[in-house]
Amino acid sequence: MDATPHTPPVVQVSTAAPSATLPAEIVAALKTNAGNPPGVRASFAKGQCVTGTYTPSDKAATVTRSRSFTHPSKVLGRFSVGGGSPKVADSNRTVLRGFSLRIGQGPDVSNVLFENAPVHFAKSQAQMLAFLEARTPGPDGKPDPAKVKAFSDANPETLNQAHYVAAHPVPGSFAGITYFAVHAFPATNAKGAHRFVKLQIVPIDGPVTLSDEDAKHKPDDFLFQDLNERLAHGGLRFKIVAILDRAGDPVMDVTTRWPDEDSRESVTLGTVHIQAQSDNAPCDATIFNPATLADGIGAPPDEIFAARSTAYAVSLARRQSENAKR
């Protein structure tokens, strides 16, 4: 499809200094709400590292000059189930499913973090921390419903993610999920033209879902069992798609979608073929640092993206310290 860029929108970036403490407080709140399991990620604690290949399409350079997306490469990925507990059941419909992807090689590596909802649950660090604090478990191990309702009533946009997940069936396979990168990425194409894009990973073989009744009878690790079976029979295949912006799109608020986002113009950047399960060490020893983006794909301007690198580094240091003591 035609990917002719328009004049990029003017983006007003906050001039306030980024918080040095909120990302660490957010990690602490995530851990508290999950019961403080030691030595695991603060979010998406349950996961499996995988490897594969990326093949670019002949249209990729019309969107971005990034060698991550315009040249073939090996990829490192991690499929995961949301929340801070490594024991969460794969049938839990309230938590997200994730797919982190490291694409490219050498100096041309980009890390992109995807999940099965197109929006985040907060648009600022302060709102994210308040969201988590409203859900801090009480003495009975459960959050206070009155506190959750009061916060949600005052911040209705923080329920957009939960409403999206609730409106869709339980995922039946990591191979059958559409994953969203949530943020608006500034892209520069081979001709030097600029625009914002949203990135998606779309399953080539279509969606795989379960009814709530079928999900009840699945084992707690059925997604990972299914992953192993699919890897033994040819692997998992996805398209990486760039959704193209229009003038006036909200690029600063990750709790809201672009108008007509599901039906607007898009370009397939390439295909990902996940071929093997990896030892988890390559994924667990570091982070998929979202700030690692090869020239041609820039850092999104919103406040949540700005906090991610710091929060992930805090979470990594915490789990490394906890594992060293075990």
Protein backbone atom coordinates (compact mmCIF):
# COMPACT_ATOMS: atom_id res chain seq x y z
CA MET A 1 0.00 0.00 0.00
CA ASP A 2 1.05 3.63 -0.44
CA ALA A 3 3.16 4.74 2.50
CA THR A 4 3.79 8.31 1.39
CA PRO A 5 4.57 10.27 4.55
CA HIS A 6 2.77 13.48 5.39
CA THR A 7 4.09 16.41 7.38
CA PRO A 8 4.77 14.91 10.80
CA PRO A 9 2.57 16.09 13.65
CA VAL A 10 3.92 18.54 16.16
CA VAL A 11 4.53 16.72 19.41
CA GLN A 12 4.64 18.57 22.69
CA VAL A 13 7.04 16.77 24.96
CA SER A 14 6.89 17.54 28.65
CA THR A 15 9.68 19.83 29.80
CA ALA A 16 9.52 18.48 33.35
CA ALA A 17 12.58 16.52 34.45
CA PRO A 18 11.93 12.78 34.43
CA SER A 19 11.45 11.28 37.84
CA ALA A 20 14.50 9.53 39.26
CA THR A 21 12.48 7.63 41.86
CA LEU A 22 9.09 6.75 40.34
CA PRO A 23 10.37 3.88 38.14
CA ALA A 24 11.87 2.19 41.22
CA GLU A 25 8.65 2.77 43.17
CA ILE A 26 6.65 1.27 40.29
CA VAL A 27 8.85 -1.85 40.31
CA ALA A 28 8.43 -2.14 44.09
CA ALA A 29 4.64 -1.81 43.75
CA LEU A 30 4.52 -4.45 41.01
CA LYS A 31 6.51 -6.82 43.19
CA THR A 32 4.35 -6.13 46.25
CA ASN A 33 1.14 -6.76 44.34
CA ALA A 34 2.53 -10.07 43.07
CA GLY A 35 3.50 -11.25 46.57
CA ASN A 36 7.22 -10.51 46.15
CA PRO A 37 8.32 -13.77 44.49
CA PRO A 38 12.15 -13.67 44.57
CA GLY A 39 14.47 -13.65 41.59
CA VAL A 40 11.91 -13.01 38.84
CA ARG A 41 10.80 -10.09 36.70
CA ALA A 42 8.48 -7.53 38.23
CA SER A 43 6.13 -8.04 35.29
CA PHE A 44 5.74 -10.87 32.77
CA ALA A 45 7.61 -13.10 35.20
CA LYS A 46 6.56 -16.33 33.50
CA GLY A 47 8.17 -16.76 30.10
CA GLN A 48 10.26 -18.71 27.63
CA CYS A 49 13.16 -17.53 25.50
CA VAL A 50 13.05 -18.45 21.79
CA THR A 51 15.14 -17.89 18.66
CA GLY A 52 14.35 -17.48 15.00
CA THR A 53 14.85 -15.37 11.90
CA TYR A 54 13.53 -12.14 10.39
CA THR A 55 12.99 -11.59 6.67
CA PRO A 56 12.20 -8.03 5.52
CA SER A 57 9.56 -7.21 2.91
CA ASP A 58 10.33 -5.08 -0.13
CA LYS A 59 8.12 -2.34 1.38
CA ALA A 60 9.99 -1.96 4.68
CA ALA A 61 12.23 0.90 3.46
CA THR A 62 9.16 2.98 2.55
CA VAL A 63 8.47 3.22 6.27
CA THR A 64 11.88 3.02 7.95
CA ARG A 65 15.53 2.99 6.97
CA SER A 66 16.33 1.02 10.14
CA ARG A 67 18.57 -1.92 9.24
CA SER A 68 16.79 -3.84 11.98
CA PHE A 69 13.72 -3.97 9.74
CA THR A 70 15.22 -3.70 6.23
CA HIS A 71 17.84 -6.48 6.49
CA PRO A 72 17.46 -10.18 7.32
CA SER A 73 18.75 -11.26 10.71
CA LYS A 74 18.48 -13.72 13.54
CA VAL A 75 16.07 -12.80 16.32
CA LEU A 76 15.87 -13.47 20.04
CA GLY A 77 12.40 -13.45 21.54
CA ARG A 78 10.56 -14.19 24.76
CA PHE A 79 6.95 -15.29 25.01
CA SER A 80 5.42 -14.54 28.39
CA VAL A 81 2.31 -14.39 30.55
CA GLY A 82 1.65 -11.14 32.41
CA GLY A 83 1.86 -10.39 36.09
CA GLY A 84 4.66 -10.75 38.58
CA SER A 85 4.07 -14.39 39.50
CA PRO A 86 5.92 -17.17 37.64
CA LYS A 87 3.12 -19.52 38.68
CA VAL A 88 0.23 -17.68 37.01
CA ALA A 89 -2.07 -20.04 35.11
CA ASP A 90 -1.95 -19.67 31.32
CA SER A 91 -5.77 -19.72 31.32
CA ASN A 92 -5.99 -16.54 33.42
CA ARG A 93 -7.95 -14.18 31.18
CA THR A 94 -7.17 -11.03 33.17
CA VAL A 95 -3.42 -10.93 32.54
CA LEU A 96 -1.62 -10.03 29.35
CA ARG A 97 0.40 -12.23 27.02
CA GLY A 98 3.70 -10.77 25.89
CA PHE A 99 6.25 -11.15 23.10
CA SER A 100 9.58 -9.31 23.46
CA LEU A 101 11.69 -9.23 20.31
CA ARG A 102 15.35 -8.42 19.67
CA ILE A 103 15.80 -7.96 15.95
CA GLY A 104 18.87 -7.07 13.89
CA GLN A 105 22.54 -7.60 14.56
CA GLY A 106 25.65 -5.73 15.65
CA PRO A 107 25.02 -1.99 15.94
CA ASP A 108 21.70 -2.38 14.13
CA VAL A 109 19.77 -4.11 16.92
CA SER A 110 16.32 -2.96 18.01
CA ASN A 111 14.32 -4.23 20.97
CA VAL A 112 10.53 -3.96 20.75
CA LEU A 113 8.13 -5.09 23.47
CA PHE A 114 4.70 -6.34 22.41
CA GLU A 115 1.60 -7.42 24.33
CA ASN A 116 -1.90 -8.58 23.44
CA ALA A 117 -3.57 -5.24 24.16
CA PRO A 118 -3.15 -2.05 22.10
CA VAL A 119 -3.06 0.31 25.10
CA HIS A 120 -1.27 0.63 28.42
CA PHE A 121 -3.09 1.06 31.72
CA ALA A 122 -1.60 4.47 32.58
CA LYS A 123 -0.41 7.49 30.64
CA SER A 124 2.10 8.83 33.18
CA GLN A 125 4.46 7.42 35.78
CA ALA A 126 2.51 9.00 38.60
CA GLN A 127 -0.76 7.55 37.34
CA MET A 128 0.83 4.11 36.94
CA LEU A 129 2.12 4.14 40.51
CA ALA A 130 -1.26 5.31 41.84
CA PHE A 131 -3.00 2.55 39.85
CA LEU A 132 -0.76 -0.08 41.46
CA GLU A 133 -1.03 1.40 44.96
CA ALA A 134 -4.83 1.33 44.72
CA ARG A 135 -4.51 -2.42 44.14
CA THR A 136 -2.06 -3.16 46.95
CA PRO A 137 -3.30 -6.29 48.77
CA GLY A 138 -4.65 -5.86 52.28
CA PRO A 139 -4.31 -8.25 55.24
CA ASP A 140 -6.62 -10.71 53.48
CA GLY A 141 -4.33 -10.81 50.45
CA LYS A 142 -6.80 -8.92 48.27
CA PRO A 143 -7.01 -5.25 47.21
CA ASP A 144 -9.69 -3.05 48.76
CA PRO A 145 -12.54 -2.89 46.19
CA ALA A 146 -13.54 0.57 47.39
CA LYS A 147 -10.05 1.95 46.74
CA VAL A 148 -9.92 0.34 43.29
CA LYS A 149 -13.35 1.75 42.38
CA ALA A 150 -12.52 5.23 43.63
CA PHE A 151 -9.32 5.31 41.61
CA SER A 152 -10.99 3.89 38.50
CA ASP A 153 -13.87 6.37 38.73
CA ALA A 154 -11.39 9.23 38.88
CA ASN A 155 -9.17 7.75 36.13
CA PRO A 156 -11.46 5.90 33.70
CA GLU A 157 -8.81 5.69 30.98
CA THR A 158 -6.84 3.29 33.20
CA LEU A 159 -9.51 0.65 32.54
CA ASN A 160 -9.14 0.76 28.74
CA GLN A 161 -6.63 -2.07 28.72
CA ALA A 162 -8.68 -4.30 31.01
CA HIS A 163 -11.82 -3.65 28.96
CA TYR A 164 -10.00 -4.62 25.76
CA VAL A 165 -8.71 -7.88 27.28
CA ALA A 166 -12.13 -8.73 28.76
CA ALA A 167 -13.81 -8.24 25.38
CA HIS A 168 -11.59 -10.83 23.66
CA PRO A 169 -11.41 -14.61 24.04
CA VAL A 170 -8.71 -16.36 26.06
CA PRO A 171 -5.61 -16.86 23.86
CA GLY A 172 -5.19 -20.52 22.92
CA SER A 173 -1.61 -20.31 21.65
CA PHE A 174 1.27 -17.85 21.57
CA ALA A 175 1.20 -18.53 17.81
CA GLY A 176 -2.35 -17.17 17.43
CA ILE A 177 -2.11 -13.81 19.19
CA THR A 178 -1.91 -10.33 17.69
CA TYR A 179 0.61 -8.39 19.74
CA PHE A 180 0.83 -4.58 19.99
CA ALA A 181 3.79 -2.35 20.79
CA VAL A 182 1.41 0.28 22.33
CA HIS A 183 3.66 3.31 21.70
CA ALA A 184 3.87 5.63 18.67
CA PHE A 185 7.35 5.28 17.16
CA PRO A 186 8.86 8.07 15.06
CA ALA A 187 10.10 6.42 11.85
CA THR A 188 12.42 7.79 9.16
CA ASN A 189 12.30 6.07 5.79
CA ALA A 190 14.98 5.51 3.13
CA LYS A 191 14.22 8.93 1.59
CA GLY A 192 14.58 10.73 4.91
CA ALA A 193 10.86 11.37 5.37
CA HIS A 194 9.39 11.16 8.88
CA ARG A 195 6.12 9.88 10.35
CA PHE A 196 4.81 8.04 13.39
CA VAL A 197 3.94 4.36 13.24
CA LYS A 198 2.49 1.81 15.60
CA LEU A 199 3.97 -1.67 15.40
CA GLN A 200 2.04 -4.94 15.53
CA ILE A 201 2.94 -8.61 15.33
CA VAL A 202 0.21 -10.50 13.48
CA PRO A 203 -0.01 -14.32 13.35
CA ILE A 204 0.25 -15.51 9.75
CA ASP A 205 -2.01 -18.50 10.37
CA GLY A 206 -4.68 -16.43 12.12
CA PRO A 207 -5.98 -16.26 15.69
CA VAL A 208 -6.14 -19.21 18.08
CA THR A 209 -8.60 -18.71 20.95
CA LEU A 210 -10.45 -20.65 23.63
CA SER A 211 -13.91 -20.36 25.12
CA ASP A 212 -13.96 -19.64 28.84
CA GLU A 213 -15.28 -23.17 29.41
CA ASP A 214 -12.47 -24.79 27.42
CA ALA A 215 -9.89 -22.63 29.19
CA LYS A 216 -11.03 -23.97 32.57
CA HIS A 217 -9.89 -27.46 31.62
CA LYS A 218 -6.46 -26.50 30.35
CA PRO A 219 -3.32 -27.20 32.42
CA ASP A 220 -1.59 -24.21 34.01
CA ASP A 221 1.26 -24.31 31.47
CA PHE A 222 -0.72 -25.15 28.34
CA LEU A 223 0.60 -22.18 26.33
CA PHE A 224 4.16 -23.35 26.84
CA GLN A 225 3.25 -26.95 26.06
CA ASP A 226 1.61 -25.75 22.85
CA LEU A 227 4.73 -23.68 22.06
CA ASN A 228 6.94 -26.77 22.35
CA GLU A 229 4.65 -28.75 20.06
CA ARG A 230 4.58 -26.03 17.43
CA LEU A 231 8.36 -25.65 17.52
CA ALA A 232 8.67 -29.38 16.91
CA HIS A 233 6.47 -29.08 13.81
CA GLY A 234 7.79 -26.11 11.89
CA GLY A 235 7.65 -23.22 14.34
CA LEU A 236 5.60 -20.02 14.62
CA ARG A 237 5.26 -17.37 11.91
CA PHE A 238 4.24 -13.74 12.22
CA LYS A 239 4.13 -10.53 10.20
CA ILE A 240 5.53 -7.31 11.66
CA VAL A 241 3.15 -4.57 10.56
CA ALA A 242 3.53 -0.79 10.77
CA ILE A 243 0.25 1.11 11.17
CA LEU A 244 0.65 4.53 9.57
CA ASP A 245 -0.24 7.74 11.34
CA ARG A 246 -2.53 10.55 10.31
CA ALA A 247 -2.36 14.20 11.26
CA GLY A 248 -3.72 14.74 14.75
CA ASP A 249 -3.19 11.22 16.06
CA PRO A 250 -2.63 11.09 19.84
CA VAL A 251 1.00 10.02 20.12
CA MET A 252 1.56 11.00 23.77
CA ASP A 253 -1.27 9.06 25.44
CA VAL A 254 -0.71 5.29 25.53
CA THR A 255 -4.11 4.66 27.16
CA THR A 256 -5.95 5.53 23.95
CA ARG A 257 -5.95 4.15 20.40
CA TRP A 258 -5.67 6.05 17.14
CA PRO A 259 -8.99 6.59 15.36
CA ASP A 260 -9.88 3.62 13.12
CA GLU A 261 -6.59 2.00 14.09
CA ASP A 262 -7.67 -1.51 13.10
CA SER A 263 -8.76 -0.55 9.59
CA ARG A 264 -6.35 2.15 8.52
CA GLU A 265 -3.40 1.98 6.13
CA SER A 266 -0.54 -0.27 7.14
CA VAL A 267 2.65 -1.75 5.71
CA THR A 268 4.12 -5.19 6.36
CA LEU A 269 7.76 -4.64 7.33
CA GLY A 270 8.70 -8.33 7.27
CA THR A 271 8.12 -11.77 8.71
CA VAL A 272 9.39 -13.45 11.86
CA HIS A 273 9.83 -17.22 11.99
CA ILE A 274 10.35 -18.54 15.52
CA GLN A 275 12.12 -21.87 15.11
CA ALA A 276 13.54 -23.03 18.44
CA GLN A 277 13.30 -22.78 22.17
CA SER A 278 16.36 -21.29 23.83
CA ASP A 279 17.90 -21.68 27.22
CA ASN A 280 16.39 -18.82 29.22
CA ALA A 281 19.83 -17.51 30.22
CA PRO A 282 20.15 -15.09 27.27
CA CYS A 283 16.84 -13.48 28.24
CA ASP A 284 17.26 -13.62 32.01
CA ALA A 285 20.82 -12.27 32.17
CA THR A 286 19.80 -8.90 30.79
CA ILE A 287 16.74 -6.92 29.66
CA PHE A 288 15.13 -6.25 26.30
CA ASN A 289 16.08 -2.60 26.71
CA PRO A 290 13.38 -0.64 24.84
CA ALA A 291 15.75 2.29 24.37
CA THR A 292 17.87 0.12 22.05
CA LEU A 293 16.53 1.17 18.64
CA ALA A 294 18.58 1.24 15.43
CA ASP A 295 18.61 4.46 13.38
CA GLY A 296 15.35 4.84 11.50
CA ILE A 297 13.13 3.97 14.45
CA GLY A 298 13.20 6.54 17.24
CA ALA A 299 12.13 6.55 20.87
CA PRO A 300 8.41 7.27 21.34
CA PRO A 301 7.78 10.64 23.04
CA ASP A 302 5.35 9.50 25.75
CA GLU A 303 6.17 9.42 29.45
CA ILE A 304 5.64 5.69 29.94
CA PHE A 305 8.24 4.80 27.32
CA ALA A 306 10.71 7.18 28.95
CA ALA A 307 10.34 5.29 32.23
CA ARG A 308 10.73 1.78 30.81
CA SER A 309 14.53 1.56 30.55
CA THR A 310 15.03 2.74 34.12
CA ALA A 311 12.31 0.47 35.49
CA TYR A 312 13.64 -2.58 33.63
CA ALA A 313 17.18 -1.91 34.89
CA VAL A 314 15.87 -1.60 38.45
CA SER A 315 13.97 -4.87 38.07
CA LEU A 316 17.04 -6.63 36.64
CA ALA A 317 19.29 -5.44 39.47
CA ARG A 318 16.72 -6.53 42.02
CA ARG A 319 16.31 -10.04 40.65
CA GLN A 320 20.07 -10.47 40.22
CA SER A 321 20.58 -9.49 43.86
CA GLU A 322 17.82 -11.84 45.03
CA ASN A 323 19.20 -14.72 42.97
CA ALA A 324 22.71 -14.14 44.34
CA LYS A 325 21.38 -14.62 47.87
CA ARG A 326 19.55 -17.86 47.09
